[in-house]
PDB file of N, CA and C in Angstrom:
ATOM      1  N   UNK A   1      33.814  80.390 149.687  1.00  0.00           N
ATOM      2  CA  UNK A   1      32.960  79.359 150.239  1.00  0.00           C
ATOM      3  C   UNK A   1      31.550  79.909 150.463  1.00  0.00           C
ATOM      4  N   UNK A   2      31.392  80.963 151.319  1.00  0.00           N
ATOM      5  CA  UNK A   2      30.097  81.613 151.533  1.00  0.00           C
ATOM      6  C   UNK A   2      30.190  83.022 150.992  1.00  0.00           C
ATOM      7  N   UNK A   3      29.069  83.545 150.501  1.00  0.00           N
ATOM      8  CA  UNK A   3      29.081  84.947 150.112  1.00  0.00           C
ATOM      9  C   UNK A   3      28.827  85.806 151.349  1.00  0.00           C
ATOM     10  N   UNK A   4      28.974  87.105 151.216  1.00  0.00           N
ATOM     11  CA  UNK A   4      28.863  88.020 152.354  1.00  0.00           C
ATOM     12  C   UNK A   4      27.492  87.957 153.033  1.00  0.00           C
ATOM     13  N   UNK A   5      26.438  87.850 152.255  1.00  0.00           N
ATOM     14  CA  UNK A   5      25.083  87.803 152.820  1.00  0.00           C
ATOM     15  C   UNK A   5      24.892  86.535 153.662  1.00  0.00           C
ATOM     16  N   UNK A   6      25.381  85.424 153.168  1.00  0.00           N
ATOM     17  CA  UNK A   6      25.266  84.164 153.904  1.00  0.00           C
ATOM     18  C   UNK A   6      26.072  84.217 155.193  1.00  0.00           C
ATOM     19  N   UNK A   7      27.267  84.757 155.103  1.00  0.00           N
ATOM     20  CA  UNK A   7      28.128  84.881 156.286  1.00  0.00           C
ATOM     21  C   UNK A   7      27.473  85.770 157.329  1.00  0.00           C
ATOM     22  N   UNK A   8      26.912  86.919 156.901  1.00  0.00           N
ATOM     23  CA  UNK A   8      26.226  87.828 157.822  1.00  0.00           C
ATOM     24  C   UNK A   8      25.039  87.127 158.482  1.00  0.00           C
ATOM     25  N   UNK A   9      24.277  86.381 157.691  1.00  0.00           N
ATOM     26  CA  UNK A   9      23.116  85.671 158.223  1.00  0.00           C
ATOM     27  C   UNK A   9      23.545  84.652 159.280  1.00  0.00           C
ATOM     28  N   UNK A  10      24.595  83.905 159.001  1.00  0.00           N
ATOM     29  CA  UNK A  10      25.091  82.895 159.946  1.00  0.00           C
ATOM     30  C   UNK A  10      25.555  83.575 161.235  1.00  0.00           C
ATOM     31  N   UNK A  11      26.303  84.653 161.115  1.00  0.00           N
ATOM     32  CA  UNK A  11      26.824  85.371 162.290  1.00  0.00           C
ATOM     33  C   UNK A  11      25.676  85.959 163.110  1.00  0.00           C
ATOM     34  N   UNK A  12      24.701  86.581 162.442  1.00  0.00           N
ATOM     35  CA  UNK A  12      23.559  87.149 163.156  1.00  0.00           C
ATOM     36  C   UNK A  12      22.750  86.053 163.860  1.00  0.00           C
ATOM     37  N   UNK A  13      22.575  84.926 163.203  1.00  0.00           N
ATOM     38  CA  UNK A  13      21.842  83.807 163.806  1.00  0.00           C
ATOM     39  C   UNK A  13      22.569  83.282 165.033  1.00  0.00           C
ATOM     40  N   UNK A  14      23.886  83.184 164.932  1.00  0.00           N
ATOM     41  CA  UNK A  14      24.675  82.721 166.077  1.00  0.00           C
ATOM     42  C   UNK A  14      24.596  83.715 167.230  1.00  0.00           C
ATOM     43  N   UNK A  15      24.666  85.009 166.927  1.00  0.00           N
ATOM     44  CA  UNK A  15      24.548  86.032 167.972  1.00  0.00           C
ATOM     45  C   UNK A  15      23.185  85.950 168.660  1.00  0.00           C
ATOM     46  N   UNK A  16      22.121  85.782 167.873  1.00  0.00           N
ATOM     47  CA  UNK A  16      20.779  85.658 168.444  1.00  0.00           C
ATOM     48  C   UNK A  16      20.691  84.435 169.347  1.00  0.00           C
ATOM     49  N   UNK A  17      21.246  83.329 168.889  1.00  0.00           N
ATOM     50  CA  UNK A  17      21.198  82.096 169.685  1.00  0.00           C
ATOM     51  C   UNK A  17      22.011  82.245 170.973  1.00  0.00           C
ATOM     52  N   UNK A  18      23.158  82.892 170.893  1.00  0.00           N
ATOM     53  CA  UNK A  18      23.996  83.122 172.078  1.00  0.00           C
ATOM     54  C   UNK A  18      23.247  83.997 173.082  1.00  0.00           C
ATOM     55  N   UNK A  19      22.583  85.039 172.603  1.00  0.00           N
ATOM     56  CA  UNK A  19      21.809  85.907 173.495  1.00  0.00           C
ATOM     57  C   UNK A  19      20.692  85.124 174.185  1.00  0.00           C
ATOM     58  N   UNK A  20      20.024  84.271 173.431  1.00  0.00           N
ATOM     59  CA  UNK A  20      18.958  83.443 174.001  1.00  0.00           C
ATOM     60  C   UNK A  20      19.527  82.503 175.060  1.00  0.00           C
ATOM     61  N   UNK A  21      20.628  81.852 174.778  1.00  0.00           N
ATOM     62  CA  UNK A  21      21.255  80.931 175.732  1.00  0.00           C
ATOM     63  C   UNK A  21      21.730  81.661 176.981  1.00  0.00           C
ATOM     64  N   UNK A  22      22.282  82.848 176.810  1.00  0.00           N
ATOM     65  CA  UNK A  22      22.726  83.626 177.968  1.00  0.00           C
ATOM     66  C   UNK A  22      21.539  84.012 178.850  1.00  0.00           C
ATOM     67  N   UNK A  23      20.423  84.412 178.230  1.00  0.00           N
ATOM     68  CA  UNK A  23      19.222  84.774 178.980  1.00  0.00           C
ATOM     69  C   UNK A  23      18.670  83.554 179.719  1.00  0.00           C
ATOM     70  N   UNK A  24      18.610  82.405 179.029  1.00  0.00           N
ATOM     71  CA  UNK A  24      18.122  81.175 179.666  1.00  0.00           C
ATOM     72  C   UNK A  24      19.042  80.745 180.805  1.00  0.00           C
ATOM     73  N   UNK A  25      20.352  80.876 180.606  1.00  0.00           N
ATOM     74  CA  UNK A  25      21.309  80.520 181.663  1.00  0.00           C
ATOM     75  C   UNK A  25      21.129  81.417 182.880  1.00  0.00           C
ATOM     76  N   UNK A  26      20.871  82.698 182.652  1.00  0.00           N
ATOM     77  CA  UNK A  26      20.652  83.633 183.767  1.00  0.00           C
ATOM     78  C   UNK A  26      19.386  83.257 184.534  1.00  0.00           C
ATOM     79  N   UNK A  27      18.334  82.847 183.830  1.00  0.00           N
ATOM     80  CA  UNK A  27      17.090  82.438 184.487  1.00  0.00           C
ATOM     81  C   UNK A  27      17.309  81.164 185.308  1.00  0.00           C
ATOM     82  N   UNK A  28      18.036  80.222 184.760  1.00  0.00           N
ATOM     83  CA  UNK A  28      18.325  78.978 185.475  1.00  0.00           C
ATOM     84  C   UNK A  28      19.184  79.275 186.699  1.00  0.00           C
ATOM     85  N   UNK A  29      20.182  80.110 186.528  1.00  0.00           N
ATOM     86  CA  UNK A  29      21.042  80.514 187.652  1.00  0.00           C
ATOM     87  C   UNK A  29      20.221  81.139 188.773  1.00  0.00           C
ATOM     88  N   UNK A  30      19.313  82.041 188.412  1.00  0.00           N
ATOM     89  CA  UNK A  30      18.480  82.703 189.415  1.00  0.00           C
ATOM     90  C   UNK A  30      17.635  81.674 190.150  1.00  0.00           C
ATOM     91  N   UNK A  31      17.087  80.716 189.419  1.00  0.00           N
ATOM     92  CA  UNK A  31      16.266  79.689 190.057  1.00  0.00           C
ATOM     93  C   UNK A  31      17.104  78.833 191.002  1.00  0.00           C
ATOM     94  N   UNK A  32      18.286  78.414 190.557  1.00  0.00           N
ATOM     95  CA  UNK A  32      19.144  77.546 191.372  1.00  0.00           C
ATOM     96  C   UNK A  32      19.632  78.266 192.617  1.00  0.00           C
ATOM     97  N   UNK A  33      20.081  79.493 192.475  1.00  0.00           N
ATOM     98  CA  UNK A  33      20.710  80.183 193.595  1.00  0.00           C
ATOM     99  C   UNK A  33      19.772  81.061 194.413  1.00  0.00           C
ATOM    100  N   UNK A  34      18.623  81.432 193.851  1.00  0.00           N
ATOM    101  CA  UNK A  34      17.700  82.294 194.582  1.00  0.00           C
ATOM    102  C   UNK A  34      16.457  81.543 195.057  1.00  0.00           C
ATOM    103  N   UNK A  35      15.791  80.847 194.152  1.00  0.00           N
ATOM    104  CA  UNK A  35      14.514  80.225 194.479  1.00  0.00           C
ATOM    105  C   UNK A  35      14.654  78.845 195.108  1.00  0.00           C
ATOM    106  N   UNK A  36      15.488  77.996 194.557  1.00  0.00           N
ATOM    107  CA  UNK A  36      15.595  76.618 195.043  1.00  0.00           C
ATOM    108  C   UNK A  36      16.014  76.514 196.497  1.00  0.00           C
ATOM    109  N   UNK A  37      17.019  77.257 196.956  1.00  0.00           N
ATOM    110  CA  UNK A  37      17.380  77.147 198.379  1.00  0.00           C
ATOM    111  C   UNK A  37      16.227  77.501 199.311  1.00  0.00           C
ATOM    112  N   UNK A  38      15.399  78.476 198.934  1.00  0.00           N
ATOM    113  CA  UNK A  38      14.265  78.868 199.759  1.00  0.00           C
ATOM    114  C   UNK A  38      13.265  77.723 199.876  1.00  0.00           C
ATOM    115  N   UNK A  39      13.210  76.904 198.857  1.00  0.00           N
ATOM    116  CA  UNK A  39      12.271  75.781 198.832  1.00  0.00           C
ATOM    117  C   UNK A  39      12.589  74.796 199.953  1.00  0.00           C
ATOM    118  N   UNK A  40      13.856  74.633 200.285  1.00  0.00           N
ATOM    119  CA  UNK A  40      14.278  73.669 201.295  1.00  0.00           C
ATOM    120  C   UNK A  40      14.771  74.333 202.574  1.00  0.00           C
ATOM    121  N   UNK A  41      14.200  75.465 202.911  1.00  0.00           N
ATOM    122  CA  UNK A  41      14.502  76.141 204.169  1.00  0.00           C
ATOM    123  C   UNK A  41      13.290  76.028 205.074  1.00  0.00           C
ATOM    124  N   UNK A  42      13.529  76.150 206.372  1.00  0.00           N
ATOM    125  CA  UNK A  42      12.423  76.190 207.322  1.00  0.00           C
ATOM    126  C   UNK A  42      11.766  77.561 207.250  1.00  0.00           C
ATOM    127  N   UNK A  43      10.433  77.550 207.241  1.00  0.00           N
ATOM    128  CA  UNK A  43       9.641  78.784 207.200  1.00  0.00           C
ATOM    129  C   UNK A  43       8.729  78.828 208.423  1.00  0.00           C
ATOM    130  N   UNK A  44       8.357  80.018 208.892  1.00  0.00           N
ATOM    131  CA  UNK A  44       7.409  80.101 210.007  1.00  0.00           C
ATOM    132  C   UNK A  44       6.095  79.395 209.647  1.00  0.00           C
ATOM    133  N   UNK A  45       5.512  78.711 210.607  1.00  0.00           N
ATOM    134  CA  UNK A  45       4.300  77.922 210.347  1.00  0.00           C
ATOM    135  C   UNK A  45       3.152  78.791 209.829  1.00  0.00           C
ATOM    136  N   UNK A  46       3.154  80.070 210.175  1.00  0.00           N
ATOM    137  CA  UNK A  46       2.086  80.972 209.717  1.00  0.00           C
ATOM    138  C   UNK A  46       2.051  81.097 208.194  1.00  0.00           C
ATOM    139  N   UNK A  47       3.168  80.776 207.541  1.00  0.00           N
ATOM    140  CA  UNK A  47       3.229  80.911 206.086  1.00  0.00           C
ATOM    141  C   UNK A  47       2.965  79.594 205.363  1.00  0.00           C
ATOM    142  N   UNK A  48       2.655  78.536 206.102  1.00  0.00           N
ATOM    143  CA  UNK A  48       2.457  77.210 205.501  1.00  0.00           C
ATOM    144  C   UNK A  48       1.184  77.165 204.661  1.00  0.00           C
ATOM    145  N   UNK A  49       1.197  76.375 203.597  1.00  0.00           N
ATOM    146  CA  UNK A  49      -0.017  76.241 202.777  1.00  0.00           C
ATOM    147  C   UNK A  49      -1.117  75.507 203.552  1.00  0.00           C
ATOM    148  N   UNK A  50      -2.321  75.977 203.403  1.00  0.00           N
ATOM    149  CA  UNK A  50      -3.456  75.349 204.087  1.00  0.00           C
ATOM    150  C   UNK A  50      -4.476  74.876 203.051  1.00  0.00           C
ATOM    151  N   UNK A  51      -3.943  74.248 202.007  1.00  0.00           N
ATOM    152  CA  UNK A  51      -4.791  73.763 200.916  1.00  0.00           C
ATOM    153  C   UNK A  51      -4.754  72.239 200.781  1.00  0.00           C
ATOM    154  N   UNK A  52      -4.260  71.555 201.809  1.00  0.00           N
ATOM    155  CA  UNK A  52      -4.166  70.100 201.753  1.00  0.00           C
ATOM    156  C   UNK A  52      -2.814  69.589 201.297  1.00  0.00           C
ATOM    157  N   UNK A  53      -1.917  70.499 200.937  1.00  0.00           N
ATOM    158  CA  UNK A  53      -0.568  70.112 200.518  1.00  0.00           C
ATOM    159  C   UNK A  53       0.167  69.463 201.677  1.00  0.00           C
ATOM    160  N   UNK A  54       0.808  68.346 201.417  1.00  0.00           N
ATOM    161  CA  UNK A  54       1.609  67.696 202.458  1.00  0.00           C
ATOM    162  C   UNK A  54       2.944  68.435 202.587  1.00  0.00           C
ATOM    163  N   UNK A  55       3.302  68.722 203.846  1.00  0.00           N
ATOM    164  CA  UNK A  55       4.536  69.448 204.131  1.00  0.00           C
ATOM    165  C   UNK A  55       5.237  68.786 205.321  1.00  0.00           C
ATOM    166  N   UNK A  56       6.465  69.173 205.557  1.00  0.00           N
ATOM    167  CA  UNK A  56       7.207  68.736 206.733  1.00  0.00           C
ATOM    168  C   UNK A  56       7.092  69.840 207.779  1.00  0.00           C
ATOM    169  N   UNK A  57       6.799  69.452 209.021  1.00  0.00           N
ATOM    170  CA  UNK A  57       6.749  70.453 210.094  1.00  0.00           C
ATOM    171  C   UNK A  57       7.660  70.044 211.238  1.00  0.00           C
ATOM    172  N   UNK A  58       8.091  71.040 211.970  1.00  0.00           N
ATOM    173  CA  UNK A  58       8.822  70.832 213.214  1.00  0.00           C
ATOM    174  C   UNK A  58       7.851  71.161 214.349  1.00  0.00           C
ATOM    175  N   UNK A  59       7.647  70.189 215.230  1.00  0.00           N
ATOM    176  CA  UNK A  59       6.729  70.368 216.354  1.00  0.00           C
ATOM    177  C   UNK A  59       7.486  70.089 217.654  1.00  0.00           C
ATOM    178  N   UNK A  60       8.156  71.102 218.216  1.00  0.00           N
ATOM    179  CA  UNK A  60       8.992  70.870 219.400  1.00  0.00           C
ATOM    180  C   UNK A  60       8.210  70.447 220.634  1.00  0.00           C
ATOM    181  N   UNK A  61       6.898  70.671 220.680  1.00  0.00           N
ATOM    182  CA  UNK A  61       6.104  70.295 221.857  1.00  0.00           C
ATOM    183  C   UNK A  61       5.472  68.909 221.708  1.00  0.00           C
ATOM    184  N   UNK A  62       5.747  68.258 220.618  1.00  0.00           N
ATOM    185  CA  UNK A  62       5.127  66.957 220.357  1.00  0.00           C
ATOM    186  C   UNK A  62       5.524  65.949 221.418  1.00  0.00           C
ATOM    187  N   UNK A  63       4.533  65.223 221.931  1.00  0.00           N
ATOM    188  CA  UNK A  63       4.823  64.192 222.926  1.00  0.00           C
ATOM    189  C   UNK A  63       4.219  62.878 222.461  1.00  0.00           C
ATOM    190  N   UNK A  64       5.074  61.975 222.134  1.00  0.00           N
ATOM    191  CA  UNK A  64       4.628  60.666 221.698  1.00  0.00           C
ATOM    192  C   UNK A  64       5.719  59.682 222.079  1.00  0.00           C
ATOM    193  N   UNK A  65       5.416  58.765 222.949  1.00  0.00           N
ATOM    194  CA  UNK A  65       6.437  57.838 223.454  1.00  0.00           C
ATOM    195  C   UNK A  65       6.945  56.899 222.375  1.00  0.00           C
ATOM    196  N   UNK A  66       6.118  56.604 221.401  1.00  0.00           N
ATOM    197  CA  UNK A  66       6.519  55.679 220.348  1.00  0.00           C
ATOM    198  C   UNK A  66       7.493  56.333 219.380  1.00  0.00           C
ATOM    199  N   UNK A  67       7.191  57.574 218.989  1.00  0.00           N
ATOM    200  CA  UNK A  67       8.016  58.273 218.014  1.00  0.00           C
ATOM    201  C   UNK A  67       8.739  59.426 218.694  1.00  0.00           C
ATOM    202  N   UNK A  68      10.045  59.401 218.651  1.00  0.00           N
ATOM    203  CA  UNK A  68      10.846  60.431 219.324  1.00  0.00           C
ATOM    204  C   UNK A  68      11.030  61.687 218.477  1.00  0.00           C
ATOM    205  N   UNK A  69      10.791  61.570 217.180  1.00  0.00           N
ATOM    206  CA  UNK A  69      11.061  62.694 216.291  1.00  0.00           C
ATOM    207  C   UNK A  69      10.075  63.834 216.512  1.00  0.00           C
ATOM    208  N   UNK A  70      10.531  65.026 216.243  1.00  0.00           N
ATOM    209  CA  UNK A  70       9.683  66.204 216.316  1.00  0.00           C
ATOM    210  C   UNK A  70       9.383  66.734 214.919  1.00  0.00           C
ATOM    211  N   UNK A  71       9.816  65.992 213.917  1.00  0.00           N
ATOM    212  CA  UNK A  71       9.592  66.380 212.529  1.00  0.00           C
ATOM    213  C   UNK A  71       8.594  65.403 211.922  1.00  0.00           C
ATOM    214  N   UNK A  72       7.532  65.942 211.347  1.00  0.00           N
ATOM    215  CA  UNK A  72       6.445  65.118 210.823  1.00  0.00           C
ATOM    216  C   UNK A  72       6.016  65.586 209.448  1.00  0.00           C
ATOM    217  N   UNK A  73       5.382  64.700 208.711  1.00  0.00           N
ATOM    218  CA  UNK A  73       4.718  65.074 207.466  1.00  0.00           C
ATOM    219  C   UNK A  73       3.247  65.283 207.815  1.00  0.00           C
ATOM    220  N   UNK A  74       2.729  66.444 207.462  1.00  0.00           N
ATOM    221  CA  UNK A  74       1.362  66.804 207.820  1.00  0.00           C
ATOM    222  C   UNK A  74       0.655  67.497 206.662  1.00  0.00           C
ATOM    223  N   UNK A  75      -0.636  67.715 206.841  1.00  0.00           N
ATOM    224  CA  UNK A  75      -1.417  68.561 205.937  1.00  0.00           C
ATOM    225  C   UNK A  75      -2.471  69.277 206.766  1.00  0.00           C
ATOM    226  N   UNK A  76      -2.969  70.388 206.252  1.00  0.00           N
ATOM    227  CA  UNK A  76      -3.973  71.173 206.962  1.00  0.00           C
ATOM    228  C   UNK A  76      -5.353  70.606 206.658  1.00  0.00           C
ATOM    229  N   UNK A  77      -6.101  70.292 207.704  1.00  0.00           N
ATOM    230  CA  UNK A  77      -7.465  69.796 207.551  1.00  0.00           C
ATOM    231  C   UNK A  77      -8.386  71.011 207.618  1.00  0.00           C
ATOM    232  N   UNK A  78      -8.998  71.354 206.494  1.00  0.00           N
ATOM    233  CA  UNK A  78      -9.798  72.588 206.406  1.00  0.00           C
ATOM    234  C   UNK A  78     -11.001  72.579 207.344  1.00  0.00           C
ATOM    235  N   UNK A  79     -11.705  71.457 207.389  1.00  0.00           N
ATOM    236  CA  UNK A  79     -12.921  71.415 208.209  1.00  0.00           C
ATOM    237  C   UNK A  79     -12.607  71.483 209.704  1.00  0.00           C
ATOM    238  N   UNK A  80     -11.585  70.752 210.136  1.00  0.00           N
ATOM    239  CA  UNK A  80     -11.224  70.745 211.556  1.00  0.00           C
ATOM    240  C   UNK A  80     -10.311  71.903 211.939  1.00  0.00           C
ATOM    241  N   UNK A  81      -9.780  72.570 210.932  1.00  0.00           N
ATOM    242  CA  UNK A  81      -8.858  73.701 211.147  1.00  0.00           C
ATOM    243  C   UNK A  81      -7.694  73.305 212.050  1.00  0.00           C
ATOM    244  N   UNK A  82      -7.018  72.227 211.632  1.00  0.00           N
ATOM    245  CA  UNK A  82      -5.857  71.759 212.387  1.00  0.00           C
ATOM    246  C   UNK A  82      -4.913  70.998 211.470  1.00  0.00           C
ATOM    247  N   UNK A  83      -3.677  70.870 211.923  1.00  0.00           N
ATOM    248  CA  UNK A  83      -2.691  70.085 211.196  1.00  0.00           C
ATOM    249  C   UNK A  83      -2.939  68.611 211.501  1.00  0.00           C
ATOM    250  N   UNK A  84      -2.903  67.798 210.468  1.00  0.00           N
ATOM    251  CA  UNK A  84      -3.128  66.365 210.606  1.00  0.00           C
ATOM    252  C   UNK A  84      -1.889  65.641 210.103  1.00  0.00           C
ATOM    253  N   UNK A  85      -1.420  64.711 210.901  1.00  0.00           N
ATOM    254  CA  UNK A  85      -0.240  63.936 210.531  1.00  0.00           C
ATOM    255  C   UNK A  85      -0.616  62.836 209.548  1.00  0.00           C
ATOM    256  N   UNK A  86       0.321  62.502 208.684  1.00  0.00           N
ATOM    257  CA  UNK A  86       0.111  61.368 207.785  1.00  0.00           C
ATOM    258  C   UNK A  86       0.333  60.054 208.529  1.00  0.00           C
ATOM    259  N   UNK A  87       0.851  60.127 209.762  1.00  0.00           N
ATOM    260  CA  UNK A  87       0.985  58.959 210.638  1.00  0.00           C
ATOM    261  C   UNK A  87      -0.220  58.981 211.567  1.00  0.00           C
ATOM    262  N   UNK A  88      -1.034  57.973 211.536  1.00  0.00           N
ATOM    263  CA  UNK A  88      -2.330  58.000 212.208  1.00  0.00           C
ATOM    264  C   UNK A  88      -2.252  58.257 213.708  1.00  0.00           C
ATOM    265  N   UNK A  89      -1.189  57.835 214.388  1.00  0.00           N
ATOM    266  CA  UNK A  89      -1.155  57.991 215.843  1.00  0.00           C
ATOM    267  C   UNK A  89      -0.271  59.138 216.314  1.00  0.00           C
ATOM    268  N   UNK A  90       0.122  60.000 215.426  1.00  0.00           N
ATOM    269  CA  UNK A  90       1.011  61.095 215.819  1.00  0.00           C
ATOM    270  C   UNK A  90       0.200  62.277 216.346  1.00  0.00           C
ATOM    271  N   UNK A  91       0.633  62.785 217.458  1.00  0.00           N
ATOM    272  CA  UNK A  91       0.007  63.983 218.024  1.00  0.00           C
ATOM    273  C   UNK A  91       0.700  65.216 217.466  1.00  0.00           C
ATOM    274  N   UNK A  92      -0.079  66.182 217.060  1.00  0.00           N
ATOM    275  CA  UNK A  92       0.489  67.441 216.591  1.00  0.00           C
ATOM    276  C   UNK A  92      -0.033  68.525 217.519  1.00  0.00           C
ATOM    277  N   UNK A  93       0.868  69.115 218.248  1.00  0.00           N
ATOM    278  CA  UNK A  93       0.462  70.088 219.247  1.00  0.00           C
ATOM    279  C   UNK A  93       0.650  71.523 218.774  1.00  0.00           C
ATOM    280  N   UNK A  94       1.870  71.856 218.407  1.00  0.00           N
ATOM    281  CA  UNK A  94       2.143  73.257 218.050  1.00  0.00           C
ATOM    282  C   UNK A  94       3.330  73.340 217.107  1.00  0.00           C
ATOM    283  N   UNK A  95       3.152  73.013 215.833  1.00  0.00           N
ATOM    284  CA  UNK A  95       4.282  73.144 214.918  1.00  0.00           C
ATOM    285  C   UNK A  95       4.717  74.604 214.817  1.00  0.00           C
ATOM    286  N   UNK A  96       6.021  74.798 214.734  1.00  0.00           N
ATOM    287  CA  UNK A  96       6.557  76.157 214.670  1.00  0.00           C
ATOM    288  C   UNK A  96       7.084  76.519 213.291  1.00  0.00           C
ATOM    289  N   UNK A  97       7.548  75.514 212.539  1.00  0.00           N
ATOM    290  CA  UNK A  97       8.149  75.762 211.232  1.00  0.00           C
ATOM    291  C   UNK A  97       7.747  74.664 210.255  1.00  0.00           C
ATOM    292  N   UNK A  98       7.893  74.978 208.964  1.00  0.00           N
ATOM    293  CA  UNK A  98       7.553  74.009 207.935  1.00  0.00           C
ATOM    294  C   UNK A  98       8.518  74.142 206.767  1.00  0.00           C
ATOM    295  N   UNK A  99       8.555  73.108 205.932  1.00  0.00           N
ATOM    296  CA  UNK A  99       9.264  73.169 204.647  1.00  0.00           C
ATOM    297  C   UNK A  99       8.573  72.239 203.674  1.00  0.00           C
ATOM    298  N   UNK A 100       8.860  72.437 202.394  1.00  0.00           N
ATOM    299  CA  UNK A 100       8.297  71.594 201.345  1.00  0.00           C
ATOM    300  C   UNK A 100       8.864  70.182 201.445  1.00  0.00           C
ATOM    301  N   UNK A 101       8.076  69.215 201.025  1.00  0.00           N
ATOM    302  CA  UNK A 101       8.587  67.862 200.861  1.00  0.00           C
ATOM    303  C   UNK A 101       9.446  67.828 199.600  1.00  0.00           C
ATOM    304  N   UNK A 102      10.529  67.084 199.601  1.00  0.00           N
ATOM    305  CA  UNK A 102      11.296  66.961 198.354  1.00  0.00           C
ATOM    306  C   UNK A 102      10.509  66.131 197.351  1.00  0.00           C
ATOM    307  N   UNK A 103      10.857  66.252 196.099  1.00  0.00           N
ATOM    308  CA  UNK A 103      10.245  65.410 195.074  1.00  0.00           C
ATOM    309  C   UNK A 103      10.676  63.974 195.306  1.00  0.00           C
ATOM    310  N   UNK A 104       9.817  63.002 194.996  1.00  0.00           N
ATOM    311  CA  UNK A 104      10.230  61.611 195.139  1.00  0.00           C
ATOM    312  C   UNK A 104      11.297  61.260 194.117  1.00  0.00           C
ATOM    313  N   UNK A 105      12.039  60.185 194.355  1.00  0.00           N
ATOM    314  CA  UNK A 105      13.052  59.784 193.371  1.00  0.00           C
ATOM    315  C   UNK A 105      12.385  59.438 192.031  1.00  0.00           C
ATOM    316  N   UNK A 106      13.119  59.665 190.986  1.00  0.00           N
ATOM    317  CA  UNK A 106      12.618  59.290 189.674  1.00  0.00           C
ATOM    318  C   UNK A 106      12.660  57.769 189.539  1.00  0.00           C
ATOM    319  N   UNK A 107      12.000  57.253 188.529  1.00  0.00           N
ATOM    320  CA  UNK A 107      12.013  55.814 188.290  1.00  0.00           C
ATOM    321  C   UNK A 107      13.448  55.320 188.063  1.00  0.00           C
ATOM    322  N   UNK A 108      14.239  56.130 187.357  1.00  0.00           N
ATOM    323  CA  UNK A 108      15.645  55.770 187.107  1.00  0.00           C
ATOM    324  C   UNK A 108      16.417  55.654 188.403  1.00  0.00           C
ATOM    325  N   UNK A 109      16.170  56.588 189.337  1.00  0.00           N
ATOM    326  CA  UNK A 109      16.903  56.603 190.605  1.00  0.00           C
ATOM    327  C   UNK A 109      16.554  55.429 191.498  1.00  0.00           C
ATOM    328  N   UNK A 110      15.384  54.834 191.301  1.00  0.00           N
ATOM    329  CA  UNK A 110      14.973  53.730 192.158  1.00  0.00           C
ATOM    330  C   UNK A 110      15.438  52.372 191.657  1.00  0.00           C
ATOM    331  N   UNK A 111      16.093  52.360 190.517  1.00  0.00           N
ATOM    332  CA  UNK A 111      16.577  51.078 189.962  1.00  0.00           C
ATOM    333  C   UNK A 111      17.893  50.694 190.583  1.00  0.00           C
TER     334      UNK A 111
END
């Protein structure tokens, strides 16, 4: 059916492809088990991005009679050098921890 050269070429090509897939699988595994969990963990507020990125913060000293939650979406205001809530009437006193916002649902997920 195949001559020896063709068979060798097919086998070598398959081995190369398997090696590539194994390397890609290892990279994906590392991202899923090493990097991704860190993305959704609480981090000390000192490590939060101060470039305008919206993040979730925990502010245990927050006092607001309307909103009981101590978790807010905020961003760092460079000129005022303070955390600003995306909710106009929320007071931000002393956030202690932060985490990334999750990605929004895809268009498919919202159907």
